[in-house]
């Protein structure tokens, strides 16, 4: 009979080996030695959080005070589920109602700024499965905003003034949301010919940073300031939007990030298109987008586009099928 402590050790070791295997089979690294060291660091950090196979609400420390979510490491090591059929079904359901779906996976912080996680990741972390995910959706005529390479480049070249991510926060900055919004707006533009336009100006502002990862790691808030571009509504106050808007933004906390000061992605899309938008978000609900209109088909009447925004670090998970 195996002692309980030995059995527990075997289970932890097995989990670590599964993660290592996933890294070896899913990643393209520049050199085997670098790969091995980076693999070990990721596994060590996930073990500190309590799991190498399941999501845990836990922040891990990178370089120079930069923090990352355990789920980012999980997304980079776990074998992905094929969630494209559910997304394609959502596109088909909306298309049947004359509505275009724009899918916006927000680039994961770990993949966008890997050099801030570890010196061993200076040459980047490549996920072949992400490219395949984008390609499969596009092959099935799903519009996907793939901004990962662009955001990586912008952060590298302009990070001192317009950083795409900041050390203490898991969500991308307003600068990155503006990039995503402009790319989404380009896909929406052909649908809006002949519509009445309104001017939603952007103003530079300085606001409090939220630092959700610092709070998660230390159990206390940290005070610091960040630069954001605030969008004003036609009344001169921060942008809000209404349920009658022809463009609907749905998704997880990436949709509501910046809302308190008019810098959410929906406001940026309104500024870019000069057409009103309305946002619906659920914290942690990136994968349930297709169910957000259950029992609310009348709400979709007259809509032109649904922009679905969710964390790119959750692409390994299961996505819900539409129920309308």
C-alpha atoms as a PDB file:
ATOM      1  CA  UNK A   1       0.000   0.000   0.000  1.00  0.00           C
ATOM      2  CA  UNK A   2       1.337   3.475  -0.920  1.00  0.00           C
ATOM      3  CA  UNK A   3       1.713   5.977   1.936  1.00  0.00           C
ATOM      4  CA  UNK A   4      -0.677   8.999   1.603  1.00  0.00           C
ATOM      5  CA  UNK A   5       2.220  11.498   1.555  1.00  0.00           C
ATOM      6  CA  UNK A   6       3.910   9.524  -1.249  1.00  0.00           C
ATOM      7  CA  UNK A   7       0.627   9.367  -3.165  1.00  0.00           C
ATOM      8  CA  UNK A   8       0.212  13.161  -2.863  1.00  0.00           C
ATOM      9  CA  UNK A   9       3.799  13.676  -4.083  1.00  0.00           C
ATOM     10  CA  UNK A  10       3.140  11.461  -7.104  1.00  0.00           C
ATOM     11  CA  UNK A  11       0.010  13.456  -8.020  1.00  0.00           C
ATOM     12  CA  UNK A  12       1.846  16.805  -7.854  1.00  0.00           C
ATOM     13  CA  UNK A  13       4.747  15.384  -9.887  1.00  0.00           C
ATOM     14  CA  UNK A  14       2.329  14.023 -12.490  1.00  0.00           C
ATOM     15  CA  UNK A  15       0.655  17.466 -12.810  1.00  0.00           C
ATOM     16  CA  UNK A  16       4.010  19.143 -13.271  1.00  0.00           C
ATOM     17  CA  UNK A  17       5.009  16.612 -15.946  1.00  0.00           C
ATOM     18  CA  UNK A  18       1.726  17.181 -17.788  1.00  0.00           C
ATOM     19  CA  UNK A  19       2.431  20.916 -17.861  1.00  0.00           C
ATOM     20  CA  UNK A  20       6.001  20.332 -19.029  1.00  0.00           C
ATOM     21  CA  UNK A  21       4.799  18.028 -21.794  1.00  0.00           C
ATOM     22  CA  UNK A  22       2.265  20.601 -22.959  1.00  0.00           C
ATOM     23  CA  UNK A  23       4.951  23.260 -23.130  1.00  0.00           C
ATOM     24  CA  UNK A  24       7.261  21.002 -25.114  1.00  0.00           C
ATOM     25  CA  UNK A  25       4.570  20.089 -27.644  1.00  0.00           C
ATOM     26  CA  UNK A  26       2.828  23.463 -27.999  1.00  0.00           C
ATOM     27  CA  UNK A  27       5.616  26.040 -27.941  1.00  0.00           C
ATOM     28  CA  UNK A  28       8.314  27.068 -30.382  1.00  0.00           C
ATOM     29  CA  UNK A  29      11.377  28.295 -28.478  1.00  0.00           C
ATOM     30  CA  UNK A  30      14.721  29.480 -29.799  1.00  0.00           C
ATOM     31  CA  UNK A  31      16.872  27.012 -27.855  1.00  0.00           C
ATOM     32  CA  UNK A  32      16.235  23.832 -25.852  1.00  0.00           C
ATOM     33  CA  UNK A  33      18.116  25.172 -22.788  1.00  0.00           C
ATOM     34  CA  UNK A  34      15.978  28.330 -22.697  1.00  0.00           C
ATOM     35  CA  UNK A  35      12.836  26.253 -23.127  1.00  0.00           C
ATOM     36  CA  UNK A  36      13.740  23.978 -20.242  1.00  0.00           C
ATOM     37  CA  UNK A  37      14.480  26.865 -17.890  1.00  0.00           C
ATOM     38  CA  UNK A  38      11.298  28.720 -18.807  1.00  0.00           C
ATOM     39  CA  UNK A  39       9.218  25.564 -18.431  1.00  0.00           C
ATOM     40  CA  UNK A  40      10.598  24.981 -14.958  1.00  0.00           C
ATOM     41  CA  UNK A  41       9.902  28.579 -13.932  1.00  0.00           C
ATOM     42  CA  UNK A  42       6.290  28.416 -15.123  1.00  0.00           C
ATOM     43  CA  UNK A  43       5.693  25.115 -13.335  1.00  0.00           C
ATOM     44  CA  UNK A  44       7.285  26.437 -10.125  1.00  0.00           C
ATOM     45  CA  UNK A  45       5.093  29.531 -10.199  1.00  0.00           C
ATOM     46  CA  UNK A  46       1.922  27.535 -10.831  1.00  0.00           C
ATOM     47  CA  UNK A  47       2.808  25.119  -8.022  1.00  0.00           C
ATOM     48  CA  UNK A  48       3.189  28.092  -5.656  1.00  0.00           C
ATOM     49  CA  UNK A  49      -0.398  28.973  -6.552  1.00  0.00           C
ATOM     50  CA  UNK A  50      -1.554  25.437  -5.810  1.00  0.00           C
ATOM     51  CA  UNK A  51      -2.237  23.952  -9.250  1.00  0.00           C
ATOM     52  CA  UNK A  52      -0.525  23.307 -12.582  1.00  0.00           C
ATOM     53  CA  UNK A  53      -3.716  22.036 -14.240  1.00  0.00           C
ATOM     54  CA  UNK A  54      -6.632  24.178 -12.969  1.00  0.00           C
ATOM     55  CA  UNK A  55      -7.273  27.921 -12.725  1.00  0.00           C
ATOM     56  CA  UNK A  56      -6.484  29.451  -9.334  1.00  0.00           C
ATOM     57  CA  UNK A  57      -7.102  33.088  -8.350  1.00  0.00           C
ATOM     58  CA  UNK A  58      -3.443  33.837  -7.792  1.00  0.00           C
ATOM     59  CA  UNK A  59      -0.853  36.385  -8.951  1.00  0.00           C
ATOM     60  CA  UNK A  60       2.761  35.420  -9.642  1.00  0.00           C
ATOM     61  CA  UNK A  61       5.770  37.721  -9.615  1.00  0.00           C
ATOM     62  CA  UNK A  62       7.761  38.446 -12.741  1.00  0.00           C
ATOM     63  CA  UNK A  63      10.607  40.925 -13.156  1.00  0.00           C
ATOM     64  CA  UNK A  64      10.924  44.403 -11.648  1.00  0.00           C
ATOM     65  CA  UNK A  65       7.624  44.234  -9.786  1.00  0.00           C
ATOM     66  CA  UNK A  66       5.563  43.038 -12.775  1.00  0.00           C
ATOM     67  CA  UNK A  67       2.735  40.657 -11.836  1.00  0.00           C
ATOM     68  CA  UNK A  68       0.896  38.009 -13.862  1.00  0.00           C
ATOM     69  CA  UNK A  69      -2.106  35.743 -13.314  1.00  0.00           C
ATOM     70  CA  UNK A  70      -1.644  32.017 -12.743  1.00  0.00           C
ATOM     71  CA  UNK A  71      -4.245  31.519 -15.483  1.00  0.00           C
ATOM     72  CA  UNK A  72      -1.889  33.135 -18.009  1.00  0.00           C
ATOM     73  CA  UNK A  73       0.650  30.387 -17.319  1.00  0.00           C
ATOM     74  CA  UNK A  74      -2.115  27.796 -17.483  1.00  0.00           C
ATOM     75  CA  UNK A  75      -3.262  29.075 -20.881  1.00  0.00           C
ATOM     76  CA  UNK A  76       0.330  28.795 -22.106  1.00  0.00           C
ATOM     77  CA  UNK A  77       0.779  25.197 -20.917  1.00  0.00           C
ATOM     78  CA  UNK A  78      -2.586  23.438 -20.979  1.00  0.00           C
ATOM     79  CA  UNK A  79      -3.873  21.545 -24.004  1.00  0.00           C
ATOM     80  CA  UNK A  80      -6.665  23.617 -25.541  1.00  0.00           C
ATOM     81  CA  UNK A  81     -10.248  22.484 -26.066  1.00  0.00           C
ATOM     82  CA  UNK A  82     -11.725  23.045 -29.508  1.00  0.00           C
ATOM     83  CA  UNK A  83     -14.230  25.812 -28.755  1.00  0.00           C
ATOM     84  CA  UNK A  84     -14.549  27.040 -32.348  1.00  0.00           C
ATOM     85  CA  UNK A  85     -17.872  25.209 -33.103  1.00  0.00           C
ATOM     86  CA  UNK A  86     -19.654  27.232 -30.402  1.00  0.00           C
ATOM     87  CA  UNK A  87     -18.223  30.507 -31.714  1.00  0.00           C
ATOM     88  CA  UNK A  88     -19.150  29.639 -35.300  1.00  0.00           C
ATOM     89  CA  UNK A  89     -22.690  28.755 -34.165  1.00  0.00           C
ATOM     90  CA  UNK A  90     -22.931  32.155 -32.460  1.00  0.00           C
ATOM     91  CA  UNK A  91     -21.846  33.880 -35.670  1.00  0.00           C
ATOM     92  CA  UNK A  92     -24.447  31.933 -37.658  1.00  0.00           C
ATOM     93  CA  UNK A  93     -27.224  32.748 -35.164  1.00  0.00           C
ATOM     94  CA  UNK A  94     -26.495  36.476 -35.345  1.00  0.00           C
ATOM     95  CA  UNK A  95     -25.989  36.433 -39.102  1.00  0.00           C
ATOM     96  CA  UNK A  96     -29.446  34.908 -39.550  1.00  0.00           C
ATOM     97  CA  UNK A  97     -30.753  38.074 -37.870  1.00  0.00           C
ATOM     98  CA  UNK A  98     -28.716  40.372 -40.089  1.00  0.00           C
ATOM     99  CA  UNK A  99     -26.116  41.073 -37.392  1.00  0.00           C
ATOM    100  CA  UNK A 100     -22.347  40.827 -37.802  1.00  0.00           C
ATOM    101  CA  UNK A 101     -20.228  39.231 -35.059  1.00  0.00           C
ATOM    102  CA  UNK A 102     -16.762  40.623 -34.347  1.00  0.00           C
ATOM    103  CA  UNK A 103     -14.697  38.446 -32.000  1.00  0.00           C
ATOM    104  CA  UNK A 104     -12.055  40.313 -29.974  1.00  0.00           C
ATOM    105  CA  UNK A 105      -9.716  38.141 -27.890  1.00  0.00           C
ATOM    106  CA  UNK A 106      -7.777  40.616 -25.736  1.00  0.00           C
ATOM    107  CA  UNK A 107      -4.075  39.676 -26.005  1.00  0.00           C
ATOM    108  CA  UNK A 108      -2.846  38.037 -22.832  1.00  0.00           C
ATOM    109  CA  UNK A 109      -0.373  40.009 -20.753  1.00  0.00           C
ATOM    110  CA  UNK A 110       2.087  37.094 -20.551  1.00  0.00           C
ATOM    111  CA  UNK A 111       2.197  36.759 -24.343  1.00  0.00           C
ATOM    112  CA  UNK A 112       2.254  40.517 -24.991  1.00  0.00           C
ATOM    113  CA  UNK A 113       5.094  41.374 -22.596  1.00  0.00           C
ATOM    114  CA  UNK A 114       6.874  38.047 -21.890  1.00  0.00           C
ATOM    115  CA  UNK A 115      10.158  39.846 -21.220  1.00  0.00           C
ATOM    116  CA  UNK A 116       8.555  41.305 -18.077  1.00  0.00           C
ATOM    117  CA  UNK A 117       7.854  37.812 -16.782  1.00  0.00           C
ATOM    118  CA  UNK A 118      11.335  36.347 -17.195  1.00  0.00           C
ATOM    119  CA  UNK A 119      14.691  36.922 -18.873  1.00  0.00           C
ATOM    120  CA  UNK A 120      14.222  33.392 -20.202  1.00  0.00           C
ATOM    121  CA  UNK A 121      11.270  34.658 -22.277  1.00  0.00           C
ATOM    122  CA  UNK A 122      13.024  37.614 -23.928  1.00  0.00           C
ATOM    123  CA  UNK A 123      12.557  36.085 -27.385  1.00  0.00           C
ATOM    124  CA  UNK A 124       8.855  35.629 -26.775  1.00  0.00           C
ATOM    125  CA  UNK A 125       6.404  32.831 -26.094  1.00  0.00           C
ATOM    126  CA  UNK A 126       4.855  31.398 -29.232  1.00  0.00           C
ATOM    127  CA  UNK A 127       1.523  29.552 -29.108  1.00  0.00           C
ATOM    128  CA  UNK A 128       0.930  27.670 -32.379  1.00  0.00           C
ATOM    129  CA  UNK A 129      -2.540  26.724 -31.143  1.00  0.00           C
ATOM    130  CA  UNK A 130      -3.530  30.412 -31.028  1.00  0.00           C
ATOM    131  CA  UNK A 131      -2.677  30.875 -34.715  1.00  0.00           C
ATOM    132  CA  UNK A 132      -4.658  27.737 -35.562  1.00  0.00           C
ATOM    133  CA  UNK A 133      -7.629  29.014 -33.534  1.00  0.00           C
ATOM    134  CA  UNK A 134      -7.681  32.305 -35.470  1.00  0.00           C
ATOM    135  CA  UNK A 135      -7.221  30.555 -38.815  1.00  0.00           C
ATOM    136  CA  UNK A 136     -10.049  28.067 -38.207  1.00  0.00           C
ATOM    137  CA  UNK A 137     -12.502  30.808 -37.244  1.00  0.00           C
ATOM    138  CA  UNK A 138     -11.566  32.964 -40.214  1.00  0.00           C
ATOM    139  CA  UNK A 139     -11.879  29.977 -42.532  1.00  0.00           C
ATOM    140  CA  UNK A 140     -15.478  29.723 -41.296  1.00  0.00           C
ATOM    141  CA  UNK A 141     -16.040  33.430 -42.024  1.00  0.00           C
ATOM    142  CA  UNK A 142     -15.867  34.602 -38.399  1.00  0.00           C
ATOM    143  CA  UNK A 143     -14.340  38.078 -38.069  1.00  0.00           C
ATOM    144  CA  UNK A 144     -11.525  37.877 -35.497  1.00  0.00           C
ATOM    145  CA  UNK A 145      -9.512  40.879 -34.324  1.00  0.00           C
ATOM    146  CA  UNK A 146      -6.023  39.420 -33.942  1.00  0.00           C
ATOM    147  CA  UNK A 147      -4.068  42.256 -32.290  1.00  0.00           C
ATOM    148  CA  UNK A 148      -1.407  40.241 -30.466  1.00  0.00           C
ATOM    149  CA  UNK A 149       1.532  41.026 -32.776  1.00  0.00           C
ATOM    150  CA  UNK A 150       0.524  44.675 -33.100  1.00  0.00           C
ATOM    151  CA  UNK A 151       0.230  45.184 -29.344  1.00  0.00           C
ATOM    152  CA  UNK A 152       3.547  43.405 -28.743  1.00  0.00           C
ATOM    153  CA  UNK A 153       5.227  45.713 -31.250  1.00  0.00           C
ATOM    154  CA  UNK A 154       3.620  48.867 -29.855  1.00  0.00           C
ATOM    155  CA  UNK A 155       4.588  47.980 -26.301  1.00  0.00           C
ATOM    156  CA  UNK A 156       8.153  47.276 -27.365  1.00  0.00           C
ATOM    157  CA  UNK A 157       8.561  50.484 -29.386  1.00  0.00           C
ATOM    158  CA  UNK A 158       6.366  52.921 -27.439  1.00  0.00           C
ATOM    159  CA  UNK A 159       6.119  51.308 -23.999  1.00  0.00           C
ATOM    160  CA  UNK A 160       7.619  54.270 -22.162  1.00  0.00           C
ATOM    161  CA  UNK A 161       4.811  56.599 -23.267  1.00  0.00           C
ATOM    162  CA  UNK A 162       1.931  54.374 -24.383  1.00  0.00           C
ATOM    163  CA  UNK A 163       2.363  51.037 -22.623  1.00  0.00           C
ATOM    164  CA  UNK A 164      -0.116  48.322 -23.578  1.00  0.00           C
ATOM    165  CA  UNK A 165       0.038  46.773 -20.094  1.00  0.00           C
ATOM    166  CA  UNK A 166       1.186  47.993 -16.706  1.00  0.00           C
ATOM    167  CA  UNK A 167       2.883  46.074 -13.871  1.00  0.00           C
ATOM    168  CA  UNK A 168       0.105  45.704 -11.295  1.00  0.00           C
ATOM    169  CA  UNK A 169      -2.946  45.123 -13.502  1.00  0.00           C
ATOM    170  CA  UNK A 170      -4.149  42.069 -15.465  1.00  0.00           C
ATOM    171  CA  UNK A 171      -6.283  44.089 -17.923  1.00  0.00           C
ATOM    172  CA  UNK A 172      -4.646  45.920 -20.794  1.00  0.00           C
ATOM    173  CA  UNK A 173      -4.351  49.719 -20.648  1.00  0.00           C
ATOM    174  CA  UNK A 174      -6.564  52.261 -22.370  1.00  0.00           C
ATOM    175  CA  UNK A 175      -3.922  52.590 -25.094  1.00  0.00           C
ATOM    176  CA  UNK A 176      -4.364  48.893 -25.942  1.00  0.00           C
ATOM    177  CA  UNK A 177      -8.167  49.132 -25.718  1.00  0.00           C
ATOM    178  CA  UNK A 178      -7.993  51.989 -28.202  1.00  0.00           C
ATOM    179  CA  UNK A 179      -5.991  49.791 -30.607  1.00  0.00           C
ATOM    180  CA  UNK A 180      -8.570  47.000 -30.290  1.00  0.00           C
ATOM    181  CA  UNK A 181     -11.454  49.454 -30.689  1.00  0.00           C
ATOM    182  CA  UNK A 182     -10.025  50.974 -33.865  1.00  0.00           C
ATOM    183  CA  UNK A 183      -9.454  47.532 -35.385  1.00  0.00           C
ATOM    184  CA  UNK A 184     -13.016  46.499 -34.506  1.00  0.00           C
ATOM    185  CA  UNK A 185     -14.356  49.789 -35.896  1.00  0.00           C
ATOM    186  CA  UNK A 186     -12.688  49.071 -39.242  1.00  0.00           C
ATOM    187  CA  UNK A 187     -14.667  45.811 -39.452  1.00  0.00           C
ATOM    188  CA  UNK A 188     -17.913  47.540 -38.488  1.00  0.00           C
ATOM    189  CA  UNK A 189     -17.553  50.558 -40.810  1.00  0.00           C
ATOM    190  CA  UNK A 190     -19.055  48.936 -43.968  1.00  0.00           C
ATOM    191  CA  UNK A 191     -22.277  48.256 -42.034  1.00  0.00           C
ATOM    192  CA  UNK A 192     -22.835  51.894 -41.077  1.00  0.00           C
ATOM    193  CA  UNK A 193     -23.169  53.694 -44.395  1.00  0.00           C
ATOM    194  CA  UNK A 194     -26.020  56.201 -44.397  1.00  0.00           C
ATOM    195  CA  UNK A 195     -26.427  56.229 -40.617  1.00  0.00           C
ATOM    196  CA  UNK A 196     -26.580  59.433 -38.597  1.00  0.00           C
ATOM    197  CA  UNK A 197     -23.214  60.208 -37.043  1.00  0.00           C
ATOM    198  CA  UNK A 198     -22.396  61.884 -33.751  1.00  0.00           C
ATOM    199  CA  UNK A 199     -19.123  63.307 -32.512  1.00  0.00           C
ATOM    200  CA  UNK A 200     -17.700  61.636 -29.408  1.00  0.00           C
ATOM    201  CA  UNK A 201     -14.438  63.483 -28.622  1.00  0.00           C
ATOM    202  CA  UNK A 202     -11.501  62.029 -26.711  1.00  0.00           C
ATOM    203  CA  UNK A 203      -9.722  63.949 -23.974  1.00  0.00           C
ATOM    204  CA  UNK A 204      -6.476  63.070 -22.211  1.00  0.00           C
ATOM    205  CA  UNK A 205      -6.939  62.459 -18.515  1.00  0.00           C
ATOM    206  CA  UNK A 206      -5.075  61.030 -15.530  1.00  0.00           C
ATOM    207  CA  UNK A 207      -6.913  58.547 -13.311  1.00  0.00           C
ATOM    208  CA  UNK A 208      -6.230  56.106 -10.470  1.00  0.00           C
ATOM    209  CA  UNK A 209      -4.815  52.730 -11.461  1.00  0.00           C
ATOM    210  CA  UNK A 210      -6.777  49.732 -10.204  1.00  0.00           C
ATOM    211  CA  UNK A 211      -3.863  47.322  -9.625  1.00  0.00           C
ATOM    212  CA  UNK A 212      -6.003  44.185  -9.297  1.00  0.00           C
ATOM    213  CA  UNK A 213      -2.967  41.878  -9.307  1.00  0.00           C
ATOM    214  CA  UNK A 214      -1.218  43.793  -6.537  1.00  0.00           C
ATOM    215  CA  UNK A 215      -4.366  43.518  -4.421  1.00  0.00           C
ATOM    216  CA  UNK A 216      -4.630  39.811  -5.231  1.00  0.00           C
ATOM    217  CA  UNK A 217      -1.019  39.135  -4.205  1.00  0.00           C
ATOM    218  CA  UNK A 218      -0.694  41.424  -1.190  1.00  0.00           C
ATOM    219  CA  UNK A 219      -4.277  41.761   0.021  1.00  0.00           C
ATOM    220  CA  UNK A 220      -4.167  45.550  -0.140  1.00  0.00           C
ATOM    221  CA  UNK A 221      -4.584  48.280  -2.729  1.00  0.00           C
ATOM    222  CA  UNK A 222      -1.730  50.275  -4.221  1.00  0.00           C
ATOM    223  CA  UNK A 223      -2.027  53.936  -5.172  1.00  0.00           C
ATOM    224  CA  UNK A 224      -0.701  55.071  -8.537  1.00  0.00           C
ATOM    225  CA  UNK A 225      -1.835  57.093 -11.549  1.00  0.00           C
ATOM    226  CA  UNK A 226      -2.234  56.175 -15.225  1.00  0.00           C
ATOM    227  CA  UNK A 227      -2.985  58.108 -18.393  1.00  0.00           C
ATOM    228  CA  UNK A 228      -6.242  57.364 -20.204  1.00  0.00           C
ATOM    229  CA  UNK A 229      -8.209  58.898 -23.057  1.00  0.00           C
ATOM    230  CA  UNK A 230     -11.693  59.759 -21.832  1.00  0.00           C
ATOM    231  CA  UNK A 231     -14.593  59.734 -24.315  1.00  0.00           C
ATOM    232  CA  UNK A 232     -17.284  62.380 -23.922  1.00  0.00           C
ATOM    233  CA  UNK A 233     -20.920  61.884 -24.842  1.00  0.00           C
ATOM    234  CA  UNK A 234     -22.971  64.438 -26.743  1.00  0.00           C
ATOM    235  CA  UNK A 235     -23.953  65.998 -23.414  1.00  0.00           C
ATOM    236  CA  UNK A 236     -20.313  66.780 -22.593  1.00  0.00           C
ATOM    237  CA  UNK A 237     -20.116  64.215 -19.784  1.00  0.00           C
ATOM    238  CA  UNK A 238     -18.417  60.821 -19.882  1.00  0.00           C
ATOM    239  CA  UNK A 239     -19.733  58.450 -22.561  1.00  0.00           C
ATOM    240  CA  UNK A 240     -22.562  56.096 -21.561  1.00  0.00           C
ATOM    241  CA  UNK A 241     -24.513  54.776 -24.566  1.00  0.00           C
ATOM    242  CA  UNK A 242     -28.077  53.454 -24.706  1.00  0.00           C
ATOM    243  CA  UNK A 243     -29.848  50.146 -25.306  1.00  0.00           C
ATOM    244  CA  UNK A 244     -31.104  51.490 -28.638  1.00  0.00           C
ATOM    245  CA  UNK A 245     -27.555  51.634 -30.008  1.00  0.00           C
ATOM    246  CA  UNK A 246     -26.944  49.645 -33.228  1.00  0.00           C
ATOM    247  CA  UNK A 247     -23.566  48.348 -31.961  1.00  0.00           C
ATOM    248  CA  UNK A 248     -23.525  46.086 -28.888  1.00  0.00           C
ATOM    249  CA  UNK A 249     -20.356  45.262 -26.950  1.00  0.00           C
ATOM    250  CA  UNK A 250     -20.514  42.103 -24.813  1.00  0.00           C
ATOM    251  CA  UNK A 251     -18.045  40.081 -22.761  1.00  0.00           C
ATOM    252  CA  UNK A 252     -16.111  39.924 -19.516  1.00  0.00           C
ATOM    253  CA  UNK A 253     -14.424  42.574 -17.354  1.00  0.00           C
ATOM    254  CA  UNK A 254     -12.413  43.756 -20.366  1.00  0.00           C
ATOM    255  CA  UNK A 255     -15.677  45.354 -21.523  1.00  0.00           C
ATOM    256  CA  UNK A 256     -16.243  47.292 -18.300  1.00  0.00           C
ATOM    257  CA  UNK A 257     -12.593  48.221 -17.667  1.00  0.00           C
ATOM    258  CA  UNK A 258     -12.348  52.035 -17.757  1.00  0.00           C
ATOM    259  CA  UNK A 259     -16.129  52.553 -17.691  1.00  0.00           C
ATOM    260  CA  UNK A 260     -16.022  54.675 -14.533  1.00  0.00           C
ATOM    261  CA  UNK A 261     -14.193  57.415 -16.422  1.00  0.00           C
ATOM    262  CA  UNK A 262     -15.487  56.878 -19.977  1.00  0.00           C
ATOM    263  CA  UNK A 263     -12.499  54.927 -21.300  1.00  0.00           C
ATOM    264  CA  UNK A 264     -14.104  51.523 -21.901  1.00  0.00           C
ATOM    265  CA  UNK A 265     -13.661  49.769 -25.246  1.00  0.00           C
ATOM    266  CA  UNK A 266     -17.302  50.429 -26.175  1.00  0.00           C
ATOM    267  CA  UNK A 267     -16.767  54.182 -25.755  1.00  0.00           C
ATOM    268  CA  UNK A 268     -13.657  54.000 -27.933  1.00  0.00           C
ATOM    269  CA  UNK A 269     -15.601  52.167 -30.660  1.00  0.00           C
ATOM    270  CA  UNK A 270     -18.259  54.898 -30.530  1.00  0.00           C
ATOM    271  CA  UNK A 271     -15.539  57.539 -30.914  1.00  0.00           C
ATOM    272  CA  UNK A 272     -14.013  55.665 -33.853  1.00  0.00           C
ATOM    273  CA  UNK A 273     -17.289  55.046 -35.719  1.00  0.00           C
ATOM    274  CA  UNK A 274     -19.249  58.147 -34.645  1.00  0.00           C
ATOM    275  CA  UNK A 275     -22.112  55.712 -33.957  1.00  0.00           C
ATOM    276  CA  UNK A 276     -23.569  54.957 -30.527  1.00  0.00           C
ATOM    277  CA  UNK A 277     -22.674  51.710 -28.739  1.00  0.00           C
ATOM    278  CA  UNK A 278     -24.036  49.901 -25.693  1.00  0.00           C
ATOM    279  CA  UNK A 279     -22.028  47.584 -23.432  1.00  0.00           C
ATOM    280  CA  UNK A 280     -23.074  44.469 -21.493  1.00  0.00           C
ATOM    281  CA  UNK A 281     -20.444  42.790 -19.307  1.00  0.00           C
ATOM    282  CA  UNK A 282     -20.139  40.025 -16.747  1.00  0.00           C
ATOM    283  CA  UNK A 283     -16.978  39.693 -14.674  1.00  0.00           C
ATOM    284  CA  UNK A 284     -15.326  36.362 -15.451  1.00  0.00           C
ATOM    285  CA  UNK A 285     -17.931  35.614 -18.120  1.00  0.00           C
ATOM    286  CA  UNK A 286     -15.882  35.768 -21.302  1.00  0.00           C
ATOM    287  CA  UNK A 287     -16.982  32.336 -22.488  1.00  0.00           C
ATOM    288  CA  UNK A 288     -20.743  32.863 -22.002  1.00  0.00           C
ATOM    289  CA  UNK A 289     -21.159  35.581 -24.631  1.00  0.00           C
ATOM    290  CA  UNK A 290     -23.441  33.460 -26.852  1.00  0.00           C
ATOM    291  CA  UNK A 291     -25.914  33.077 -23.957  1.00  0.00           C
ATOM    292  CA  UNK A 292     -26.206  36.768 -23.110  1.00  0.00           C
ATOM    293  CA  UNK A 293     -29.238  37.201 -25.393  1.00  0.00           C
ATOM    294  CA  UNK A 294     -31.214  34.227 -24.107  1.00  0.00           C
ATOM    295  CA  UNK A 295     -34.856  35.288 -23.935  1.00  0.00           C
ATOM    296  CA  UNK A 296     -33.968  38.738 -25.282  1.00  0.00           C
ATOM    297  CA  UNK A 297     -34.329  38.312 -29.040  1.00  0.00           C
ATOM    298  CA  UNK A 298     -36.394  41.513 -29.293  1.00  0.00           C
ATOM    299  CA  UNK A 299     -33.388  43.416 -27.939  1.00  0.00           C
ATOM    300  CA  UNK A 300     -31.433  42.447 -31.067  1.00  0.00           C
ATOM    301  CA  UNK A 301     -33.938  44.014 -33.471  1.00  0.00           C
ATOM    302  CA  UNK A 302     -32.275  46.767 -35.488  1.00  0.00           C
ATOM    303  CA  UNK A 303     -28.773  45.918 -34.310  1.00  0.00           C
ATOM    304  CA  UNK A 304     -25.929  45.984 -36.818  1.00  0.00           C
ATOM    305  CA  UNK A 305     -23.034  44.397 -34.948  1.00  0.00           C
ATOM    306  CA  UNK A 306     -22.148  42.488 -31.786  1.00  0.00           C
ATOM    307  CA  UNK A 307     -18.555  42.924 -30.623  1.00  0.00           C
ATOM    308  CA  UNK A 308     -17.566  40.066 -28.311  1.00  0.00           C
ATOM    309  CA  UNK A 309     -14.580  40.958 -26.089  1.00  0.00           C
ATOM    310  CA  UNK A 310     -12.923  38.453 -23.741  1.00  0.00           C
ATOM    311  CA  UNK A 311      -9.567  37.525 -22.214  1.00  0.00           C
ATOM    312  CA  UNK A 312      -7.228  35.800 -24.648  1.00  0.00           C
ATOM    313  CA  UNK A 313      -5.756  33.922 -21.687  1.00  0.00           C
ATOM    314  CA  UNK A 314      -8.989  31.876 -21.468  1.00  0.00           C
ATOM    315  CA  UNK A 315      -8.828  30.340 -24.919  1.00  0.00           C
ATOM    316  CA  UNK A 316      -7.945  26.906 -23.531  1.00  0.00           C
ATOM    317  CA  UNK A 317     -11.400  26.673 -21.909  1.00  0.00           C
ATOM    318  CA  UNK A 318     -14.894  25.636 -22.926  1.00  0.00           C
ATOM    319  CA  UNK A 319     -17.205  28.182 -24.583  1.00  0.00           C
ATOM    320  CA  UNK A 320     -20.996  28.102 -24.295  1.00  0.00           C
ATOM    321  CA  UNK A 321     -23.207  27.511 -27.313  1.00  0.00           C
ATOM    322  CA  UNK A 322     -25.877  30.105 -28.229  1.00  0.00           C
ATOM    323  CA  UNK A 323     -29.348  29.678 -26.736  1.00  0.00           C
ATOM    324  CA  UNK A 324     -31.474  31.987 -28.857  1.00  0.00           C
END
